[in-house]
Amino acid sequence: AARNGNVAVAILDVRVGRETIAPVARQLASRGTPFVFYTGQVENDPQLAEWAGYTVLSKPARASVIVGALAEILRRRSLTAPAGMLRTAARR
């Protein structure tokens, strides 16, 4: 889904097993798709240095915290998106 751009917003863990999620995060970022990190490795994972400006939620988090973070990044995106993007999003 990240490759074809059919993602409105994403929640990513920093690592899945021994693999890093960085390639997926880079793909989403290149397409302008907002995302947050949801991870148990907030303080000790050097992978997060690349994503200093992004929201990082620490596991475990309440559902309301996760939903609130997603709502905030979508709100910020709607404030900065070109008018055409807003009309497209409104039709969905």
PDB file of N, CA and C in Angstrom:
ATOM      1  N   ALA A   1       0.819  -1.196   0.000  1.00  0.00           N
ATOM      2  CA  ALA A   1       0.000   0.000   0.000  1.00  0.00           C
ATOM      3  C   ALA A   1       0.861   1.258   0.000  1.00  0.00           C
ATOM      4  N   ALA A   2       1.985   1.227   0.697  1.00  0.00           N
ATOM      5  CA  ALA A   2       2.861   2.402   0.728  1.00  0.00           C
ATOM      6  C   ALA A   2       3.426   2.701  -0.659  1.00  0.00           C
ATOM      7  N   ARG A   3       3.638   1.684  -1.451  1.00  0.00           N
ATOM      8  CA  ARG A   3       4.203   1.882  -2.792  1.00  0.00           C
ATOM      9  C   ARG A   3       3.247   2.571  -3.746  1.00  0.00           C
ATOM     10  N   ASN A   4       1.948   2.262  -3.641  1.00  0.00           N
ATOM     11  CA  ASN A   4       1.010   2.822  -4.607  1.00  0.00           C
ATOM     12  C   ASN A   4       0.298   4.074  -4.111  1.00  0.00           C
ATOM     13  N   GLY A   5       0.596   4.517  -2.901  1.00  0.00           N
ATOM     14  CA  GLY A   5       0.052   5.773  -2.409  1.00  0.00           C
ATOM     15  C   GLY A   5      -1.361   5.714  -1.876  1.00  0.00           C
ATOM     16  N   ASN A   6      -1.898   4.534  -1.636  1.00  0.00           N
ATOM     17  CA  ASN A   6      -3.263   4.398  -1.134  1.00  0.00           C
ATOM     18  C   ASN A   6      -3.321   4.367   0.392  1.00  0.00           C
ATOM     19  N   VAL A   7      -2.515   5.193   1.034  1.00  0.00           N
ATOM     20  CA  VAL A   7      -2.474   5.250   2.490  1.00  0.00           C
ATOM     21  C   VAL A   7      -2.734   6.692   2.907  1.00  0.00           C
ATOM     22  N   ALA A   8      -3.721   6.895   3.781  1.00  0.00           N
ATOM     23  CA  ALA A   8      -4.034   8.244   4.251  1.00  0.00           C
ATOM     24  C   ALA A   8      -3.139   8.651   5.411  1.00  0.00           C
ATOM     25  N   VAL A   9      -2.841   7.712   6.281  1.00  0.00           N
ATOM     26  CA  VAL A   9      -2.013   7.941   7.459  1.00  0.00           C
ATOM     27  C   VAL A   9      -1.498   6.572   7.914  1.00  0.00           C
ATOM     28  N   ALA A  10      -0.352   6.548   8.578  1.00  0.00           N
ATOM     29  CA  ALA A  10       0.218   5.259   8.982  1.00  0.00           C
ATOM     30  C   ALA A  10       0.756   5.311  10.406  1.00  0.00           C
ATOM     31  N   ILE A  11       0.755   4.146  11.024  1.00  0.00           N
ATOM     32  CA  ILE A  11       1.383   3.934  12.325  1.00  0.00           C
ATOM     33  C   ILE A  11       2.491   2.921  12.083  1.00  0.00           C
ATOM     34  N   LEU A  12       3.725   3.299  12.402  1.00  0.00           N
ATOM     35  CA  LEU A  12       4.870   2.428  12.144  1.00  0.00           C
ATOM     36  C   LEU A  12       5.618   2.103  13.430  1.00  0.00           C
ATOM     37  N   ASP A  13       6.027   0.866  13.572  1.00  0.00           N
ATOM     38  CA  ASP A  13       6.980   0.526  14.621  1.00  0.00           C
ATOM     39  C   ASP A  13       8.364   0.778  14.028  1.00  0.00           C
ATOM     40  N   VAL A  14       9.341   1.072  14.855  1.00  0.00           N
ATOM     41  CA  VAL A  14      10.682   1.355  14.348  1.00  0.00           C
ATOM     42  C   VAL A  14      11.310   0.091  13.777  1.00  0.00           C
ATOM     43  N   ARG A  15      11.047  -1.012  14.422  1.00  0.00           N
ATOM     44  CA  ARG A  15      11.602  -2.291  13.979  1.00  0.00           C
ATOM     45  C   ARG A  15      10.502  -3.347  13.948  1.00  0.00           C
ATOM     46  N   VAL A  16      10.608  -4.228  12.969  1.00  0.00           N
ATOM     47  CA  VAL A  16       9.743  -5.394  12.894  1.00  0.00           C
ATOM     48  C   VAL A  16      10.689  -6.580  12.911  1.00  0.00           C
ATOM     49  N   GLY A  17      10.752  -7.248  14.044  1.00  0.00           N
ATOM     50  CA  GLY A  17      11.765  -8.281  14.231  1.00  0.00           C
ATOM     51  C   GLY A  17      13.134  -7.618  14.252  1.00  0.00           C
ATOM     52  N   ARG A  18      14.008  -8.078  13.396  1.00  0.00           N
ATOM     53  CA  ARG A  18      15.352  -7.484  13.301  1.00  0.00           C
ATOM     54  C   ARG A  18      15.447  -6.431  12.204  1.00  0.00           C
ATOM     55  N   GLU A  19      14.380  -6.273  11.458  1.00  0.00           N
ATOM     56  CA  GLU A  19      14.373  -5.336  10.327  1.00  0.00           C
ATOM     57  C   GLU A  19      13.924  -3.952  10.764  1.00  0.00           C
ATOM     58  N   THR A  20      14.451  -2.950  10.107  1.00  0.00           N
ATOM     59  CA  THR A  20      14.031  -1.579  10.351  1.00  0.00           C
ATOM     60  C   THR A  20      12.882  -1.210   9.413  1.00  0.00           C
ATOM     61  N   ILE A  21      12.035  -0.334   9.858  1.00  0.00           N
ATOM     62  CA  ILE A  21      10.915   0.119   9.045  1.00  0.00           C
ATOM     63  C   ILE A  21      11.293   1.343   8.209  1.00  0.00           C
ATOM     64  N   ALA A  22      12.542   1.781   8.288  1.00  0.00           N
ATOM     65  CA  ALA A  22      12.999   3.001   7.618  1.00  0.00           C
ATOM     66  C   ALA A  22      12.660   3.047   6.125  1.00  0.00           C
ATOM     67  N   PRO A  23      12.811   1.965   5.354  1.00  0.00           N
ATOM     68  CA  PRO A  23      12.454   2.061   3.928  1.00  0.00           C
ATOM     69  C   PRO A  23      10.974   2.412   3.714  1.00  0.00           C
ATOM     70  N   VAL A  24      10.101   1.872   4.536  1.00  0.00           N
ATOM     71  CA  VAL A  24       8.677   2.187   4.425  1.00  0.00           C
ATOM     72  C   VAL A  24       8.441   3.637   4.827  1.00  0.00           C
ATOM     73  N   ALA A  25       9.078   4.072   5.906  1.00  0.00           N
ATOM     74  CA  ALA A  25       8.932   5.454   6.357  1.00  0.00           C
ATOM     75  C   ALA A  25       9.422   6.429   5.282  1.00  0.00           C
ATOM     76  N   ARG A  26      10.536   6.110   4.660  1.00  0.00           N
ATOM     77  CA  ARG A  26      11.052   6.978   3.588  1.00  0.00           C
ATOM     78  C   ARG A  26      10.075   7.047   2.412  1.00  0.00           C
ATOM     79  N   GLN A  27       9.487   5.914   2.062  1.00  0.00           N
ATOM     80  CA  GLN A  27       8.507   5.876   0.965  1.00  0.00           C
ATOM     81  C   GLN A  27       7.300   6.739   1.303  1.00  0.00           C
ATOM     82  N   LEU A  28       6.781   6.592   2.515  1.00  0.00           N
ATOM     83  CA  LEU A  28       5.638   7.394   2.935  1.00  0.00           C
ATOM     84  C   LEU A  28       5.990   8.879   2.942  1.00  0.00           C
ATOM     85  N   ALA A  29       7.155   9.217   3.485  1.00  0.00           N
ATOM     86  CA  ALA A  29       7.585  10.616   3.552  1.00  0.00           C
ATOM     87  C   ALA A  29       7.731  11.205   2.149  1.00  0.00           C
ATOM     88  N   SER A  30       8.267  10.426   1.212  1.00  0.00           N
ATOM     89  CA  SER A  30       8.451  10.934  -0.152  1.00  0.00           C
ATOM     90  C   SER A  30       7.118  11.221  -0.834  1.00  0.00           C
ATOM     91  N   ARG A  31       6.087  10.522  -0.412  1.00  0.00           N
ATOM     92  CA  ARG A  31       4.748  10.735  -0.987  1.00  0.00           C
ATOM     93  C   ARG A  31       3.938  11.769  -0.196  1.00  0.00           C
ATOM     94  N   GLY A  32       4.494  12.245   0.907  1.00  0.00           N
ATOM     95  CA  GLY A  32       3.774  13.211   1.727  1.00  0.00           C
ATOM     96  C   GLY A  32       2.714  12.583   2.607  1.00  0.00           C
ATOM     97  N   THR A  33       2.798  11.269   2.814  1.00  0.00           N
ATOM     98  CA  THR A  33       1.838  10.573   3.654  1.00  0.00           C
ATOM     99  C   THR A  33       2.249  10.731   5.118  1.00  0.00           C
ATOM    100  N   PRO A  34       1.374  11.275   5.956  1.00  0.00           N
ATOM    101  CA  PRO A  34       1.738  11.456   7.363  1.00  0.00           C
ATOM    102  C   PRO A  34       1.781  10.130   8.112  1.00  0.00           C
ATOM    103  N   PHE A  35       2.674  10.057   9.089  1.00  0.00           N
ATOM    104  CA  PHE A  35       2.769   8.855   9.909  1.00  0.00           C
ATOM    105  C   PHE A  35       3.337   9.183  11.278  1.00  0.00           C
ATOM    106  N   VAL A  36       3.084   8.279  12.202  1.00  0.00           N
ATOM    107  CA  VAL A  36       3.665   8.347  13.539  1.00  0.00           C
ATOM    108  C   VAL A  36       4.389   7.038  13.791  1.00  0.00           C
ATOM    109  N   PHE A  37       5.365   7.100  14.673  1.00  0.00           N
ATOM    110  CA  PHE A  37       6.024   5.885  15.132  1.00  0.00           C
ATOM    111  C   PHE A  37       5.381   5.473  16.448  1.00  0.00           C
ATOM    112  N   TYR A  38       5.143   4.184  16.600  1.00  0.00           N
ATOM    113  CA  TYR A  38       4.597   3.612  17.823  1.00  0.00           C
ATOM    114  C   TYR A  38       5.556   2.488  18.199  1.00  0.00           C
ATOM    115  N   THR A  39       6.382   2.722  19.204  1.00  0.00           N
ATOM    116  CA  THR A  39       7.474   1.800  19.467  1.00  0.00           C
ATOM    117  C   THR A  39       7.803   1.682  20.950  1.00  0.00           C
ATOM    118  N   GLY A  40       8.376   0.586  21.301  1.00  0.00           N
ATOM    119  CA  GLY A  40       8.871   0.379  22.652  1.00  0.00           C
ATOM    120  C   GLY A  40      10.344   0.737  22.759  1.00  0.00           C
ATOM    121  N   GLN A  41      10.928   1.240  21.689  1.00  0.00           N
ATOM    122  CA  GLN A  41      12.361   1.530  21.636  1.00  0.00           C
ATOM    123  C   GLN A  41      12.630   3.025  21.490  1.00  0.00           C
ATOM    124  N   VAL A  42      11.898   3.823  22.215  1.00  0.00           N
ATOM    125  CA  VAL A  42      11.975   5.274  22.077  1.00  0.00           C
ATOM    126  C   VAL A  42      13.352   5.826  22.405  1.00  0.00           C
ATOM    127  N   GLU A  43      13.951   5.356  23.463  1.00  0.00           N
ATOM    128  CA  GLU A  43      15.188   5.973  23.958  1.00  0.00           C
ATOM    129  C   GLU A  43      16.467   5.351  23.426  1.00  0.00           C
ATOM    130  N   ASN A  44      16.411   4.145  22.907  1.00  0.00           N
ATOM    131  CA  ASN A  44      17.668   3.478  22.570  1.00  0.00           C
ATOM    132  C   ASN A  44      17.815   3.059  21.112  1.00  0.00           C
ATOM    133  N   ASP A  45      16.967   3.530  20.234  1.00  0.00           N
ATOM    134  CA  ASP A  45      17.086   3.114  18.839  1.00  0.00           C
ATOM    135  C   ASP A  45      17.646   4.246  17.983  1.00  0.00           C
ATOM    136  N   PRO A  46      18.853   4.062  17.431  1.00  0.00           N
ATOM    137  CA  PRO A  46      19.458   5.108  16.613  1.00  0.00           C
ATOM    138  C   PRO A  46      18.673   5.401  15.328  1.00  0.00           C
ATOM    139  N   GLN A  47      17.787   4.492  14.912  1.00  0.00           N
ATOM    140  CA  GLN A  47      16.978   4.715  13.711  1.00  0.00           C
ATOM    141  C   GLN A  47      16.102   5.949  13.840  1.00  0.00           C
ATOM    142  N   LEU A  48      15.718   6.308  15.068  1.00  0.00           N
ATOM    143  CA  LEU A  48      14.832   7.455  15.260  1.00  0.00           C
ATOM    144  C   LEU A  48      15.516   8.787  14.978  1.00  0.00           C
ATOM    145  N   ALA A  49      16.837   8.821  14.958  1.00  0.00           N
ATOM    146  CA  ALA A  49      17.553  10.074  14.695  1.00  0.00           C
ATOM    147  C   ALA A  49      17.189  10.641  13.323  1.00  0.00           C
ATOM    148  N   GLU A  50      16.948   9.782  12.359  1.00  0.00           N
ATOM    149  CA  GLU A  50      16.573  10.214  11.008  1.00  0.00           C
ATOM    150  C   GLU A  50      15.203  10.898  10.991  1.00  0.00           C
ATOM    151  N   TRP A  51      14.383  10.603  11.976  1.00  0.00           N
ATOM    152  CA  TRP A  51      12.997  11.058  11.984  1.00  0.00           C
ATOM    153  C   TRP A  51      12.726  12.024  13.135  1.00  0.00           C
ATOM    154  N   ALA A  52      13.665  12.892  13.411  1.00  0.00           N
ATOM    155  CA  ALA A  52      13.589  13.799  14.563  1.00  0.00           C
ATOM    156  C   ALA A  52      12.328  14.665  14.571  1.00  0.00           C
ATOM    157  N   GLY A  53      11.796  15.040  13.441  1.00  0.00           N
ATOM    158  CA  GLY A  53      10.619  15.902  13.398  1.00  0.00           C
ATOM    159  C   GLY A  53       9.286  15.173  13.447  1.00  0.00           C
ATOM    160  N   TYR A  54       9.319  13.866  13.574  1.00  0.00           N
ATOM    161  CA  TYR A  54       8.095  13.071  13.533  1.00  0.00           C
ATOM    162  C   TYR A  54       7.633  12.688  14.934  1.00  0.00           C
ATOM    163  N   THR A  55       6.338  12.452  15.060  1.00  0.00           N
ATOM    164  CA  THR A  55       5.758  12.046  16.333  1.00  0.00           C
ATOM    165  C   THR A  55       6.169  10.614  16.648  1.00  0.00           C
ATOM    166  N   VAL A  56       6.621  10.407  17.882  1.00  0.00           N
ATOM    167  CA  VAL A  56       6.983   9.070  18.362  1.00  0.00           C
ATOM    168  C   VAL A  56       6.163   8.791  19.610  1.00  0.00           C
ATOM    169  N   LEU A  57       5.345   7.752  19.541  1.00  0.00           N
ATOM    170  CA  LEU A  57       4.549   7.331  20.678  1.00  0.00           C
ATOM    171  C   LEU A  57       5.198   6.119  21.311  1.00  0.00           C
ATOM    172  N   SER A  58       5.242   6.119  22.618  1.00  0.00           N
ATOM    173  CA  SER A  58       5.875   5.034  23.350  1.00  0.00           C
ATOM    174  C   SER A  58       4.853   3.950  23.693  1.00  0.00           C
ATOM    175  N   LYS A  59       5.224   2.685  23.432  1.00  0.00           N
ATOM    176  CA  LYS A  59       4.378   1.546  23.812  1.00  0.00           C
ATOM    177  C   LYS A  59       4.501   1.314  25.305  1.00  0.00           C
ATOM    178  N   PRO A  60       3.460   0.924  25.949  1.00  0.00           N
ATOM    179  CA  PRO A  60       2.076   0.899  25.469  1.00  0.00           C
ATOM    180  C   PRO A  60       1.464   2.288  25.580  1.00  0.00           C
ATOM    181  N   ALA A  61       0.520   2.573  24.723  1.00  0.00           N
ATOM    182  CA  ALA A  61      -0.201   3.841  24.762  1.00  0.00           C
ATOM    183  C   ALA A  61      -1.697   3.551  24.697  1.00  0.00           C
ATOM    184  N   ARG A  62      -2.463   4.395  25.328  1.00  0.00           N
ATOM    185  CA  ARG A  62      -3.922   4.247  25.268  1.00  0.00           C
ATOM    186  C   ARG A  62      -4.394   4.566  23.850  1.00  0.00           C
ATOM    187  N   ALA A  63      -5.484   3.952  23.466  1.00  0.00           N
ATOM    188  CA  ALA A  63      -6.051   4.183  22.136  1.00  0.00           C
ATOM    189  C   ALA A  63      -6.324   5.665  21.911  1.00  0.00           C
ATOM    190  N   SER A  64      -6.782   6.362  22.935  1.00  0.00           N
ATOM    191  CA  SER A  64      -7.093   7.789  22.778  1.00  0.00           C
ATOM    192  C   SER A  64      -5.842   8.602  22.452  1.00  0.00           C
ATOM    193  N   VAL A  65      -4.689   8.184  22.960  1.00  0.00           N
ATOM    194  CA  VAL A  65      -3.429   8.872  22.666  1.00  0.00           C
ATOM    195  C   VAL A  65      -3.044   8.651  21.206  1.00  0.00           C
ATOM    196  N   ILE A  66      -3.186   7.428  20.742  1.00  0.00           N
ATOM    197  CA  ILE A  66      -2.847   7.092  19.361  1.00  0.00           C
ATOM    198  C   ILE A  66      -3.778   7.822  18.395  1.00  0.00           C
ATOM    199  N   VAL A  67      -5.074   7.750  18.650  1.00  0.00           N
ATOM    200  CA  VAL A  67      -6.047   8.423  17.789  1.00  0.00           C
ATOM    201  C   VAL A  67      -5.810   9.933  17.811  1.00  0.00           C
ATOM    202  N   GLY A  68      -5.514  10.483  18.975  1.00  0.00           N
ATOM    203  CA  GLY A  68      -5.243  11.920  19.074  1.00  0.00           C
ATOM    204  C   GLY A  68      -4.027  12.336  18.261  1.00  0.00           C
ATOM    205  N   ALA A  69      -2.978  11.523  18.292  1.00  0.00           N
ATOM    206  CA  ALA A  69      -1.772  11.830  17.512  1.00  0.00           C
ATOM    207  C   ALA A  69      -2.058  11.774  16.021  1.00  0.00           C
ATOM    208  N   LEU A  70      -2.815  10.783  15.579  1.00  0.00           N
ATOM    209  CA  LEU A  70      -3.168  10.680  14.162  1.00  0.00           C
ATOM    210  C   LEU A  70      -4.055  11.848  13.734  1.00  0.00           C
ATOM    211  N   ALA A  71      -5.007  12.188  14.573  1.00  0.00           N
ATOM    212  CA  ALA A  71      -5.888  13.322  14.257  1.00  0.00           C
ATOM    213  C   ALA A  71      -5.087  14.613  14.130  1.00  0.00           C
ATOM    214  N   GLU A  72      -4.104  14.792  15.000  1.00  0.00           N
ATOM    215  CA  GLU A  72      -3.293  16.009  14.961  1.00  0.00           C
ATOM    216  C   GLU A  72      -2.456  16.091  13.686  1.00  0.00           C
ATOM    217  N   ILE A  73      -1.833  14.986  13.280  1.00  0.00           N
ATOM    218  CA  ILE A  73      -1.021  15.076  12.057  1.00  0.00           C
ATOM    219  C   ILE A  73      -1.899  15.245  10.819  1.00  0.00           C
ATOM    220  N   LEU A  74      -3.091  14.679  10.832  1.00  0.00           N
ATOM    221  CA  LEU A  74      -4.009  14.902   9.714  1.00  0.00           C
ATOM    222  C   LEU A  74      -4.522  16.341   9.719  1.00  0.00           C
ATOM    223  N   ARG A  75      -4.756  16.901  10.894  1.00  0.00           N
ATOM    224  CA  ARG A  75      -5.186  18.297  10.987  1.00  0.00           C
ATOM    225  C   ARG A  75      -4.100  19.223  10.456  1.00  0.00           C
ATOM    226  N   ARG A  76      -2.857  18.981  10.886  1.00  0.00           N
ATOM    227  CA  ARG A  76      -1.739  19.804  10.409  1.00  0.00           C
ATOM    228  C   ARG A  76      -1.583  19.682   8.903  1.00  0.00           C
ATOM    229  N   ARG A  77      -1.761  18.479   8.395  1.00  0.00           N
ATOM    230  CA  ARG A  77      -1.636  18.258   6.948  1.00  0.00           C
ATOM    231  C   ARG A  77      -2.713  19.025   6.198  1.00  0.00           C
ATOM    232  N   SER A  78      -3.930  19.011   6.719  1.00  0.00           N
ATOM    233  CA  SER A  78      -5.020  19.710   6.028  1.00  0.00           C
ATOM    234  C   SER A  78      -4.804  21.222   6.020  1.00  0.00           C
ATOM    235  N   LEU A  79      -4.093  21.742   7.017  1.00  0.00           N
ATOM    236  CA  LEU A  79      -3.814  23.173   7.064  1.00  0.00           C
ATOM    237  C   LEU A  79      -2.750  23.591   6.057  1.00  0.00           C
ATOM    238  N   THR A  80      -1.886  22.655   5.662  1.00  0.00           N
ATOM    239  CA  THR A  80      -0.790  22.984   4.757  1.00  0.00           C
ATOM    240  C   THR A  80      -0.956  22.405   3.360  1.00  0.00           C
ATOM    241  N   ALA A  81      -1.977  21.589   3.139  1.00  0.00           N
ATOM    242  CA  ALA A  81      -2.174  20.947   1.839  1.00  0.00           C
ATOM    243  C   ALA A  81      -2.698  21.945   0.808  1.00  0.00           C
ATOM    244  N   PRO A  82      -2.300  21.776  -0.450  1.00  0.00           N
ATOM    245  CA  PRO A  82      -2.858  22.607  -1.513  1.00  0.00           C
ATOM    246  C   PRO A  82      -4.377  22.434  -1.581  1.00  0.00           C
ATOM    247  N   ALA A  83      -5.068  23.420  -2.053  1.00  0.00           N
ATOM    248  CA  ALA A  83      -6.530  23.402  -2.100  1.00  0.00           C
ATOM    249  C   ALA A  83      -7.073  22.173  -2.838  1.00  0.00           C
ATOM    250  N   GLY A  84      -6.430  21.764  -3.915  1.00  0.00           N
ATOM    251  CA  GLY A  84      -6.873  20.587  -4.654  1.00  0.00           C
ATOM    252  C   GLY A  84      -6.851  19.326  -3.815  1.00  0.00           C
ATOM    253  N   MET A  85      -5.856  19.220  -2.953  1.00  0.00           N
ATOM    254  CA  MET A  85      -5.781  18.052  -2.081  1.00  0.00           C
ATOM    255  C   MET A  85      -6.927  18.066  -1.082  1.00  0.00           C
ATOM    256  N   LEU A  86      -7.279  19.225  -0.585  1.00  0.00           N
ATOM    257  CA  LEU A  86      -8.369  19.310   0.385  1.00  0.00           C
ATOM    258  C   LEU A  86      -9.696  18.925  -0.259  1.00  0.00           C
ATOM    259  N   ARG A  87      -9.929  19.359  -1.487  1.00  0.00           N
ATOM    260  CA  ARG A  87     -11.176  18.997  -2.159  1.00  0.00           C
ATOM    261  C   ARG A  87     -11.228  17.498  -2.410  1.00  0.00           C
ATOM    262  N   THR A  88     -10.121  16.916  -2.813  1.00  0.00           N
ATOM    263  CA  THR A  88     -10.080  15.472  -3.052  1.00  0.00           C
ATOM    264  C   THR A  88     -10.368  14.715  -1.775  1.00  0.00           C
ATOM    265  N   ALA A  89      -9.736  15.125  -0.675  1.00  0.00           N
ATOM    266  CA  ALA A  89      -9.926  14.442   0.602  1.00  0.00           C
ATOM    267  C   ALA A  89     -11.383  14.579   1.069  1.00  0.00           C
ATOM    268  N   ALA A  90     -12.014  15.709   0.809  1.00  0.00           N
ATOM    269  CA  ALA A  90     -13.363  15.944   1.257  1.00  0.00           C
ATOM    270  C   ALA A  90     -14.378  15.051   0.530  1.00  0.00           C
ATOM    271  N   ARG A  91     -14.065  14.631  -0.685  1.00  0.00           N
ATOM    272  CA  ARG A  91     -14.973  13.796  -1.462  1.00  0.00           C
ATOM    273  C   ARG A  91     -14.989  12.355  -1.000  1.00  0.00           C
ATOM    274  N   ARG A  92     -13.976  11.923  -0.299  1.00  0.00           N
ATOM    275  CA  ARG A  92     -13.891  10.507   0.088  1.00  0.00           C
ATOM    276  C   ARG A  92     -14.856  10.141   1.147  1.00  0.00           C
TER     277      ARG A  92
END
